[in-house]
Amino acid sequence: MTQSEFIEQVATAAGTTQAEVGRVLEAMVATVSGALTNGGDVRLSGLGVFDVGARAAREGRNPSTGEAIKIPASKAVRFRAAKGLKDAVNGVAPAKKK
């Protein structure tokens, strides 16, 4: 699904305009990006958690030449899906609340 398809479906489901959903999506991306840049994480109930993980420096190989190269330490954005999302993707029916 492309971003424009996503915006179209959300606008239809929410009964609002695509322009409004587009602005909300841009604000959401900026908010998540800002939180991760400042060292925080973002937890969205039913969706999952966005956070930042550290990657240590390591030695790798240039695939063309086989020459050893140093890969510097870096940070990577991670996403861990919520249990409800995992269950939905795997076709597991949601548990009934008592």
PDB file of N, CA and C in Angstrom:
ATOM      1  N   MET A   1       0.844  -1.170   0.000  1.00  0.00           N
ATOM      2  CA  MET A   1       0.000   0.000   0.000  1.00  0.00           C
ATOM      3  C   MET A   1       0.892   1.237   0.000  1.00  0.00           C
ATOM      4  N   THR A   2       0.594   2.158  -0.874  1.00  0.00           N
ATOM      5  CA  THR A   2       1.367   3.399  -0.938  1.00  0.00           C
ATOM      6  C   THR A   2       0.804   4.407   0.058  1.00  0.00           C
ATOM      7  N   GLN A   3       1.561   5.487   0.265  1.00  0.00           N
ATOM      8  CA  GLN A   3       1.112   6.519   1.192  1.00  0.00           C
ATOM      9  C   GLN A   3      -0.209   7.128   0.732  1.00  0.00           C
ATOM     10  N   SER A   4      -0.345   7.378  -0.560  1.00  0.00           N
ATOM     11  CA  SER A   4      -1.590   7.978  -1.053  1.00  0.00           C
ATOM     12  C   SER A   4      -2.769   7.018  -0.888  1.00  0.00           C
ATOM     13  N   GLU A   5      -2.555   5.732  -1.079  1.00  0.00           N
ATOM     14  CA  GLU A   5      -3.616   4.749  -0.861  1.00  0.00           C
ATOM     15  C   GLU A   5      -3.998   4.694   0.622  1.00  0.00           C
ATOM     16  N   PHE A   6      -2.992   4.761   1.469  1.00  0.00           N
ATOM     17  CA  PHE A   6      -3.219   4.766   2.914  1.00  0.00           C
ATOM     18  C   PHE A   6      -4.058   5.971   3.316  1.00  0.00           C
ATOM     19  N   ILE A   7      -3.675   7.146   2.830  1.00  0.00           N
ATOM     20  CA  ILE A   7      -4.399   8.377   3.142  1.00  0.00           C
ATOM     21  C   ILE A   7      -5.840   8.284   2.660  1.00  0.00           C
ATOM     22  N   GLU A   8      -6.028   7.763   1.463  1.00  0.00           N
ATOM     23  CA  GLU A   8      -7.376   7.622   0.901  1.00  0.00           C
ATOM     24  C   GLU A   8      -8.245   6.713   1.768  1.00  0.00           C
ATOM     25  N   GLN A   9      -7.703   5.573   2.184  1.00  0.00           N
ATOM     26  CA  GLN A   9      -8.481   4.629   2.993  1.00  0.00           C
ATOM     27  C   GLN A   9      -8.797   5.193   4.367  1.00  0.00           C
ATOM     28  N   VAL A  10      -7.829   5.879   4.994  1.00  0.00           N
ATOM     29  CA  VAL A  10      -8.078   6.467   6.310  1.00  0.00           C
ATOM     30  C   VAL A  10      -9.121   7.571   6.200  1.00  0.00           C
ATOM     31  N   ALA A  11      -9.041   8.394   5.160  1.00  0.00           N
ATOM     32  CA  ALA A  11     -10.018   9.472   4.967  1.00  0.00           C
ATOM     33  C   ALA A  11     -11.421   8.898   4.806  1.00  0.00           C
ATOM     34  N   THR A  12     -11.549   7.838   4.044  1.00  0.00           N
ATOM     35  CA  THR A  12     -12.850   7.204   3.845  1.00  0.00           C
ATOM     36  C   THR A  12     -13.375   6.625   5.157  1.00  0.00           C
ATOM     37  N   ALA A  13     -12.516   5.922   5.894  1.00  0.00           N
ATOM     38  CA  ALA A  13     -12.928   5.293   7.151  1.00  0.00           C
ATOM     39  C   ALA A  13     -13.292   6.332   8.210  1.00  0.00           C
ATOM     40  N   ALA A  14     -12.594   7.471   8.209  1.00  0.00           N
ATOM     41  CA  ALA A  14     -12.835   8.500   9.220  1.00  0.00           C
ATOM     42  C   ALA A  14     -13.883   9.523   8.789  1.00  0.00           C
ATOM     43  N   GLY A  15     -14.293   9.473   7.526  1.00  0.00           N
ATOM     44  CA  GLY A  15     -15.283  10.417   7.035  1.00  0.00           C
ATOM     45  C   GLY A  15     -14.751  11.835   6.963  1.00  0.00           C
ATOM     46  N   THR A  16     -13.488  11.985   6.563  1.00  0.00           N
ATOM     47  CA  THR A  16     -12.854  13.296   6.462  1.00  0.00           C
ATOM     48  C   THR A  16     -12.164  13.429   5.109  1.00  0.00           C
ATOM     49  N   THR A  17     -11.486  14.531   4.888  1.00  0.00           N
ATOM     50  CA  THR A  17     -10.836  14.757   3.596  1.00  0.00           C
ATOM     51  C   THR A  17      -9.447  14.144   3.566  1.00  0.00           C
ATOM     52  N   GLN A  18      -8.983  13.851   2.364  1.00  0.00           N
ATOM     53  CA  GLN A  18      -7.628  13.324   2.190  1.00  0.00           C
ATOM     54  C   GLN A  18      -6.596  14.373   2.586  1.00  0.00           C
ATOM     55  N   ALA A  19      -6.874  15.644   2.329  1.00  0.00           N
ATOM     56  CA  ALA A  19      -5.937  16.714   2.690  1.00  0.00           C
ATOM     57  C   ALA A  19      -5.737  16.763   4.203  1.00  0.00           C
ATOM     58  N   GLU A  20      -6.823  16.614   4.938  1.00  0.00           N
ATOM     59  CA  GLU A  20      -6.738  16.641   6.395  1.00  0.00           C
ATOM     60  C   GLU A  20      -5.951  15.442   6.911  1.00  0.00           C
ATOM     61  N   VAL A  21      -6.217  14.272   6.382  1.00  0.00           N
ATOM     62  CA  VAL A  21      -5.493  13.067   6.792  1.00  0.00           C
ATOM     63  C   VAL A  21      -4.011  13.210   6.437  1.00  0.00           C
ATOM     64  N   GLY A  22      -3.717  13.789   5.279  1.00  0.00           N
ATOM     65  CA  GLY A  22      -2.324  14.014   4.887  1.00  0.00           C
ATOM     66  C   GLY A  22      -1.593  14.903   5.878  1.00  0.00           C
ATOM     67  N   ARG A  23      -2.255  15.976   6.339  1.00  0.00           N
ATOM     68  CA  ARG A  23      -1.639  16.869   7.330  1.00  0.00           C
ATOM     69  C   ARG A  23      -1.424  16.145   8.657  1.00  0.00           C
ATOM     70  N   VAL A  24      -2.386  15.344   9.058  1.00  0.00           N
ATOM     71  CA  VAL A  24      -2.258  14.583  10.299  1.00  0.00           C
ATOM     72  C   VAL A  24      -1.106  13.580  10.191  1.00  0.00           C
ATOM     73  N   LEU A  25      -0.995  12.916   9.057  1.00  0.00           N
ATOM     74  CA  LEU A  25       0.075  11.948   8.853  1.00  0.00           C
ATOM     75  C   LEU A  25       1.445  12.631   8.907  1.00  0.00           C
ATOM     76  N   GLU A  26       1.566  13.784   8.261  1.00  0.00           N
ATOM     77  CA  GLU A  26       2.826  14.537   8.313  1.00  0.00           C
ATOM     78  C   GLU A  26       3.173  14.929   9.745  1.00  0.00           C
ATOM     79  N   ALA A  27       2.177  15.377  10.512  1.00  0.00           N
ATOM     80  CA  ALA A  27       2.398  15.751  11.905  1.00  0.00           C
ATOM     81  C   ALA A  27       2.801  14.540  12.740  1.00  0.00           C
ATOM     82  N   MET A  28       2.190  13.395  12.452  1.00  0.00           N
ATOM     83  CA  MET A  28       2.523  12.171  13.176  1.00  0.00           C
ATOM     84  C   MET A  28       3.967  11.759  12.912  1.00  0.00           C
ATOM     85  N   VAL A  29       4.372  11.784  11.656  1.00  0.00           N
ATOM     86  CA  VAL A  29       5.738  11.409  11.300  1.00  0.00           C
ATOM     87  C   VAL A  29       6.738  12.365  11.968  1.00  0.00           C
ATOM     88  N   ALA A  30       6.437  13.659  11.958  1.00  0.00           N
ATOM     89  CA  ALA A  30       7.322  14.649  12.585  1.00  0.00           C
ATOM     90  C   ALA A  30       7.414  14.429  14.093  1.00  0.00           C
ATOM     91  N   THR A  31       6.300  14.093  14.721  1.00  0.00           N
ATOM     92  CA  THR A  31       6.276  13.861  16.160  1.00  0.00           C
ATOM     93  C   THR A  31       7.073  12.617  16.533  1.00  0.00           C
ATOM     94  N   VAL A  32       6.878  11.533  15.797  1.00  0.00           N
ATOM     95  CA  VAL A  32       7.618  10.294  16.055  1.00  0.00           C
ATOM     96  C   VAL A  32       9.115  10.538  15.832  1.00  0.00           C
ATOM     97  N   SER A  33       9.457  11.207  14.752  1.00  0.00           N
ATOM     98  CA  SER A  33      10.853  11.507  14.445  1.00  0.00           C
ATOM     99  C   SER A  33      11.489  12.350  15.540  1.00  0.00           C
ATOM    100  N   GLY A  34      10.774  13.365  16.006  1.00  0.00           N
ATOM    101  CA  GLY A  34      11.293  14.225  17.073  1.00  0.00           C
ATOM    102  C   GLY A  34      11.517  13.460  18.361  1.00  0.00           C
ATOM    103  N   ALA A  35      10.571  12.618  18.727  1.00  0.00           N
ATOM    104  CA  ALA A  35      10.707  11.829  19.954  1.00  0.00           C
ATOM    105  C   ALA A  35      11.906  10.893  19.878  1.00  0.00           C
ATOM    106  N   LEU A  36      12.095  10.228  18.744  1.00  0.00           N
ATOM    107  CA  LEU A  36      13.218   9.304  18.590  1.00  0.00           C
ATOM    108  C   LEU A  36      14.547  10.049  18.564  1.00  0.00           C
ATOM    109  N   THR A  37      14.564  11.221  17.923  1.00  0.00           N
ATOM    110  CA  THR A  37      15.781  12.027  17.860  1.00  0.00           C
ATOM    111  C   THR A  37      16.204  12.481  19.257  1.00  0.00           C
ATOM    112  N   ASN A  38      15.226  12.741  20.124  1.00  0.00           N
ATOM    113  CA  ASN A  38      15.523  13.194  21.487  1.00  0.00           C
ATOM    114  C   ASN A  38      15.749  12.038  22.460  1.00  0.00           C
ATOM    115  N   GLY A  39      15.871  10.813  21.941  1.00  0.00           N
ATOM    116  CA  GLY A  39      16.204   9.663  22.776  1.00  0.00           C
ATOM    117  C   GLY A  39      15.020   8.961  23.401  1.00  0.00           C
ATOM    118  N   GLY A  40      13.808   9.353  23.055  1.00  0.00           N
ATOM    119  CA  GLY A  40      12.625   8.708  23.614  1.00  0.00           C
ATOM    120  C   GLY A  40      12.135   7.572  22.745  1.00  0.00           C
ATOM    121  N   ASP A  41      10.987   7.050  23.120  1.00  0.00           N
ATOM    122  CA  ASP A  41      10.332   6.041  22.295  1.00  0.00           C
ATOM    123  C   ASP A  41       8.874   6.441  22.129  1.00  0.00           C
ATOM    124  N   VAL A  42       8.182   5.799  21.215  1.00  0.00           N
ATOM    125  CA  VAL A  42       6.774   6.090  20.951  1.00  0.00           C
ATOM    126  C   VAL A  42       6.012   4.783  21.037  1.00  0.00           C
ATOM    127  N   ARG A  43       5.031   4.742  21.946  1.00  0.00           N
ATOM    128  CA  ARG A  43       4.218   3.545  22.154  1.00  0.00           C
ATOM    129  C   ARG A  43       2.802   3.833  21.694  1.00  0.00           C
ATOM    130  N   LEU A  44       2.355   3.086  20.702  1.00  0.00           N
ATOM    131  CA  LEU A  44       1.005   3.238  20.180  1.00  0.00           C
ATOM    132  C   LEU A  44       0.238   1.953  20.470  1.00  0.00           C
ATOM    133  N   SER A  45      -0.721   2.058  21.370  1.00  0.00           N
ATOM    134  CA  SER A  45      -1.492   0.900  21.796  1.00  0.00           C
ATOM    135  C   SER A  45      -2.145   0.230  20.597  1.00  0.00           C
ATOM    136  N   GLY A  46      -1.990  -1.066  20.499  1.00  0.00           N
ATOM    137  CA  GLY A  46      -2.568  -1.829  19.407  1.00  0.00           C
ATOM    138  C   GLY A  46      -1.696  -1.871  18.165  1.00  0.00           C
ATOM    139  N   LEU A  47      -0.686  -0.991  18.076  1.00  0.00           N
ATOM    140  CA  LEU A  47       0.199  -0.968  16.911  1.00  0.00           C
ATOM    141  C   LEU A  47       1.581  -1.477  17.277  1.00  0.00           C
ATOM    142  N   GLY A  48       2.244  -0.806  18.239  1.00  0.00           N
ATOM    143  CA  GLY A  48       3.562  -1.248  18.652  1.00  0.00           C
ATOM    144  C   GLY A  48       4.392  -0.120  19.207  1.00  0.00           C
ATOM    145  N   VAL A  49       5.699  -0.361  19.278  1.00  0.00           N
ATOM    146  CA  VAL A  49       6.641   0.582  19.869  1.00  0.00           C
ATOM    147  C   VAL A  49       7.738   0.908  18.863  1.00  0.00           C
ATOM    148  N   PHE A  50       7.969   2.213  18.672  1.00  0.00           N
ATOM    149  CA  PHE A  50       9.106   2.688  17.895  1.00  0.00           C
ATOM    150  C   PHE A  50      10.172   3.096  18.898  1.00  0.00           C
ATOM    151  N   ASP A  51      11.407   2.641  18.705  1.00  0.00           N
ATOM    152  CA  ASP A  51      12.506   3.087  19.553  1.00  0.00           C
ATOM    153  C   ASP A  51      13.805   3.074  18.754  1.00  0.00           C
ATOM    154  N   VAL A  52      14.882   3.498  19.418  1.00  0.00           N
ATOM    155  CA  VAL A  52      16.182   3.585  18.765  1.00  0.00           C
ATOM    156  C   VAL A  52      17.113   2.566  19.408  1.00  0.00           C
ATOM    157  N   GLY A  53      17.808   1.786  18.593  1.00  0.00           N
ATOM    158  CA  GLY A  53      18.770   0.818  19.079  1.00  0.00           C
ATOM    159  C   GLY A  53      20.161   1.180  18.593  1.00  0.00           C
ATOM    160  N   ALA A  54      21.141   0.839  19.387  1.00  0.00           N
ATOM    161  CA  ALA A  54      22.529   1.135  19.032  1.00  0.00           C
ATOM    162  C   ALA A  54      23.140  -0.049  18.294  1.00  0.00           C
ATOM    163  N   ARG A  55      23.894   0.264  17.260  1.00  0.00           N
ATOM    164  CA  ARG A  55      24.653  -0.757  16.545  1.00  0.00           C
ATOM    165  C   ARG A  55      26.126  -0.498  16.806  1.00  0.00           C
ATOM    166  N   ALA A  56      26.838  -1.494  17.260  1.00  0.00           N
ATOM    167  CA  ALA A  56      28.258  -1.350  17.565  1.00  0.00           C
ATOM    168  C   ALA A  56      29.073  -1.273  16.274  1.00  0.00           C
ATOM    169  N   ALA A  57      30.245  -0.665  16.388  1.00  0.00           N
ATOM    170  CA  ALA A  57      31.166  -0.646  15.249  1.00  0.00           C
ATOM    171  C   ALA A  57      31.600  -2.089  14.986  1.00  0.00           C
ATOM    172  N   ARG A  58      31.847  -2.392  13.730  1.00  0.00           N
ATOM    173  CA  ARG A  58      32.253  -3.753  13.387  1.00  0.00           C
ATOM    174  C   ARG A  58      33.073  -3.744  12.111  1.00  0.00           C
ATOM    175  N   GLU A  59      33.624  -4.889  11.825  1.00  0.00           N
ATOM    176  CA  GLU A  59      34.388  -5.034  10.596  1.00  0.00           C
ATOM    177  C   GLU A  59      33.539  -5.802   9.585  1.00  0.00           C
ATOM    178  N   GLY A  60      33.509  -5.309   8.350  1.00  0.00           N
ATOM    179  CA  GLY A  60      32.755  -5.970   7.296  1.00  0.00           C
ATOM    180  C   GLY A  60      33.642  -6.206   6.091  1.00  0.00           C
ATOM    181  N   ARG A  61      33.043  -6.631   5.009  1.00  0.00           N
ATOM    182  CA  ARG A  61      33.786  -6.893   3.773  1.00  0.00           C
ATOM    183  C   ARG A  61      33.109  -6.177   2.609  1.00  0.00           C
ATOM    184  N   ASN A  62      33.922  -5.602   1.740  1.00  0.00           N
ATOM    185  CA  ASN A  62      33.424  -5.023   0.506  1.00  0.00           C
ATOM    186  C   ASN A  62      33.046  -6.188  -0.402  1.00  0.00           C
ATOM    187  N   PRO A  63      31.785  -6.297  -0.806  1.00  0.00           N
ATOM    188  CA  PRO A  63      31.374  -7.465  -1.593  1.00  0.00           C
ATOM    189  C   PRO A  63      32.046  -7.531  -2.969  1.00  0.00           C
ATOM    190  N   SER A  64      32.462  -6.404  -3.505  1.00  0.00           N
ATOM    191  CA  SER A  64      33.095  -6.404  -4.825  1.00  0.00           C
ATOM    192  C   SER A  64      34.526  -6.905  -4.781  1.00  0.00           C
ATOM    193  N   THR A  65      35.264  -6.434  -3.760  1.00  0.00           N
ATOM    194  CA  THR A  65      36.698  -6.741  -3.713  1.00  0.00           C
ATOM    195  C   THR A  65      37.074  -7.730  -2.628  1.00  0.00           C
ATOM    196  N   GLY A  66      36.199  -7.928  -1.647  1.00  0.00           N
ATOM    197  CA  GLY A  66      36.525  -8.808  -0.531  1.00  0.00           C
ATOM    198  C   GLY A  66      37.396  -8.122   0.508  1.00  0.00           C
ATOM    199  N   GLU A  67      37.721  -6.843   0.279  1.00  0.00           N
ATOM    200  CA  GLU A  67      38.575  -6.083   1.188  1.00  0.00           C
ATOM    201  C   GLU A  67      37.847  -5.824   2.509  1.00  0.00           C
ATOM    202  N   ALA A  68      38.577  -5.944   3.636  1.00  0.00           N
ATOM    203  CA  ALA A  68      38.009  -5.674   4.954  1.00  0.00           C
ATOM    204  C   ALA A  68      37.799  -4.162   5.106  1.00  0.00           C
ATOM    205  N   ILE A  69      36.631  -3.797   5.629  1.00  0.00           N
ATOM    206  CA  ILE A  69      36.346  -2.377   5.875  1.00  0.00           C
ATOM    207  C   ILE A  69      35.781  -2.226   7.279  1.00  0.00           C
ATOM    208  N   LYS A  70      35.957  -1.032   7.845  1.00  0.00           N
ATOM    209  CA  LYS A  70      35.427  -0.748   9.172  1.00  0.00           C
ATOM    210  C   LYS A  70      34.065  -0.080   9.002  1.00  0.00           C
ATOM    211  N   ILE A  71      33.066  -0.632   9.676  1.00  0.00           N
ATOM    212  CA  ILE A  71      31.725  -0.069   9.655  1.00  0.00           C
ATOM    213  C   ILE A  71      31.547   0.641  10.993  1.00  0.00           C
ATOM    214  N   PRO A  72      31.309   1.966  10.962  1.00  0.00           N
ATOM    215  CA  PRO A  72      31.223   2.714  12.217  1.00  0.00           C
ATOM    216  C   PRO A  72      29.954   2.386  13.006  1.00  0.00           C
ATOM    217  N   ALA A  73      29.991   2.705  14.299  1.00  0.00           N
ATOM    218  CA  ALA A  73      28.810   2.543  15.145  1.00  0.00           C
ATOM    219  C   ALA A  73      27.717   3.464  14.628  1.00  0.00           C
ATOM    220  N   SER A  74      26.474   3.051  14.811  1.00  0.00           N
ATOM    221  CA  SER A  74      25.346   3.869  14.360  1.00  0.00           C
ATOM    222  C   SER A  74      24.113   3.561  15.200  1.00  0.00           C
ATOM    223  N   LYS A  75      23.075   4.328  14.948  1.00  0.00           N
ATOM    224  CA  LYS A  75      21.793   4.095  15.610  1.00  0.00           C
ATOM    225  C   LYS A  75      20.796   3.662  14.545  1.00  0.00           C
ATOM    226  N   ALA A  76      19.845   2.834  14.947  1.00  0.00           N
ATOM    227  CA  ALA A  76      18.827   2.347  14.007  1.00  0.00           C
ATOM    228  C   ALA A  76      17.453   2.444  14.651  1.00  0.00           C
ATOM    229  N   VAL A  77      16.462   2.837  13.874  1.00  0.00           N
ATOM    230  CA  VAL A  77      15.090   2.865  14.351  1.00  0.00           C
ATOM    231  C   VAL A  77      14.554   1.438  14.323  1.00  0.00           C
ATOM    232  N   ARG A  78      13.919   1.047  15.422  1.00  0.00           N
ATOM    233  CA  ARG A  78      13.331  -0.284  15.507  1.00  0.00           C
ATOM    234  C   ARG A  78      11.833  -0.160  15.725  1.00  0.00           C
ATOM    235  N   PHE A  79      11.110  -1.156  15.274  1.00  0.00           N
ATOM    236  CA  PHE A  79       9.673  -1.224  15.525  1.00  0.00           C
ATOM    237  C   PHE A  79       9.362  -2.612  16.044  1.00  0.00           C
ATOM    238  N   ARG A  80       8.683  -2.660  17.175  1.00  0.00           N
ATOM    239  CA  ARG A  80       8.230  -3.934  17.735  1.00  0.00           C
ATOM    240  C   ARG A  80       6.713  -3.925  17.732  1.00  0.00           C
ATOM    241  N   ALA A  81       6.139  -4.842  17.018  1.00  0.00           N
ATOM    242  CA  ALA A  81       4.679  -4.899  16.873  1.00  0.00           C
ATOM    243  C   ALA A  81       4.011  -5.316  18.173  1.00  0.00           C
ATOM    244  N   ALA A  82       2.839  -4.741  18.421  1.00  0.00           N
ATOM    245  CA  ALA A  82       2.032  -5.100  19.585  1.00  0.00           C
ATOM    246  C   ALA A  82       1.437  -6.492  19.389  1.00  0.00           C
ATOM    247  N   LYS A  83       1.103  -7.136  20.490  1.00  0.00           N
ATOM    248  CA  LYS A  83       0.565  -8.486  20.426  1.00  0.00           C
ATOM    249  C   LYS A  83      -0.698  -8.551  19.562  1.00  0.00           C
ATOM    250  N   GLY A  84      -1.577  -7.578  19.697  1.00  0.00           N
ATOM    251  CA  GLY A  84      -2.814  -7.574  18.915  1.00  0.00           C
ATOM    252  C   GLY A  84      -2.547  -7.518  17.425  1.00  0.00           C
ATOM    253  N   LEU A  85      -1.553  -6.737  17.007  1.00  0.00           N
ATOM    254  CA  LEU A  85      -1.195  -6.648  15.590  1.00  0.00           C
ATOM    255  C   LEU A  85      -0.596  -7.961  15.107  1.00  0.00           C
ATOM    256  N   LYS A  86       0.282  -8.541  15.901  1.00  0.00           N
ATOM    257  CA  LYS A  86       0.881  -9.831  15.532  1.00  0.00           C
ATOM    258  C   LYS A  86      -0.205 -10.898  15.369  1.00  0.00           C
ATOM    259  N   ASP A  87      -1.132 -10.926  16.330  1.00  0.00           N
ATOM    260  CA  ASP A  87      -2.207 -11.913  16.276  1.00  0.00           C
ATOM    261  C   ASP A  87      -3.080 -11.715  15.039  1.00  0.00           C
ATOM    262  N   ALA A  88      -3.386 -10.452  14.704  1.00  0.00           N
ATOM    263  CA  ALA A  88      -4.211 -10.159  13.529  1.00  0.00           C
ATOM    264  C   ALA A  88      -3.521 -10.627  12.252  1.00  0.00           C
ATOM    265  N   VAL A  89      -2.234 -10.396  12.154  1.00  0.00           N
ATOM    266  CA  VAL A  89      -1.476 -10.797  10.967  1.00  0.00           C
ATOM    267  C   VAL A  89      -1.415 -12.321  10.856  1.00  0.00           C
ATOM    268  N   ASN A  90      -1.353 -12.989  12.000  1.00  0.00           N
ATOM    269  CA  ASN A  90      -1.255 -14.446  12.007  1.00  0.00           C
ATOM    270  C   ASN A  90      -2.616 -15.135  12.029  1.00  0.00           C
ATOM    271  N   GLY A  91      -3.692 -14.358  11.949  1.00  0.00           N
ATOM    272  CA  GLY A  91      -5.029 -14.946  11.899  1.00  0.00           C
ATOM    273  C   GLY A  91      -5.517 -15.498  13.194  1.00  0.00           C
ATOM    274  N   VAL A  92      -4.992 -15.024  14.319  1.00  0.00           N
ATOM    275  CA  VAL A  92      -5.420 -15.480  15.642  1.00  0.00           C
ATOM    276  C   VAL A  92      -6.561 -14.581  16.094  1.00  0.00           C
ATOM    277  N   ALA A  93      -7.654 -15.190  16.523  1.00  0.00           N
ATOM    278  CA  ALA A  93      -8.815 -14.414  16.997  1.00  0.00           C
ATOM    279  C   ALA A  93      -8.457 -13.721  18.305  1.00  0.00           C
ATOM    280  N   PRO A  94      -8.914 -12.477  18.496  1.00  0.00           N
ATOM    281  CA  PRO A  94      -8.621 -11.768  19.743  1.00  0.00           C
ATOM    282  C   PRO A  94      -9.271 -12.483  20.929  1.00  0.00           C
ATOM    283  N   ALA A  95      -8.574 -12.461  22.074  1.00  0.00           N
ATOM    284  CA  ALA A  95      -9.116 -13.090  23.285  1.00  0.00           C
ATOM    285  C   ALA A  95     -10.278 -12.271  23.794  1.00  0.00           C
ATOM    286  N   LYS A  96     -11.328 -12.976  24.272  1.00  0.00           N
ATOM    287  CA  LYS A  96     -12.490 -12.283  24.814  1.00  0.00           C
ATOM    288  C   LYS A  96     -12.190 -11.848  26.238  1.00  0.00           C
ATOM    289  N   LYS A  97     -12.599 -10.612  26.561  1.00  0.00           N
ATOM    290  CA  LYS A  97     -12.410 -10.091  27.916  1.00  0.00           C
ATOM    291  C   LYS A  97     -13.510 -10.616  28.808  1.00  0.00           C
ATOM    292  N   LYS A  98     -13.143 -10.903  30.034  1.00  0.00           N
ATOM    293  CA  LYS A  98     -14.120 -11.437  31.005  1.00  0.00           C
ATOM    294  C   LYS A  98     -14.824 -10.313  31.723  1.00  0.00           C
TER     295      LYS A  98
END
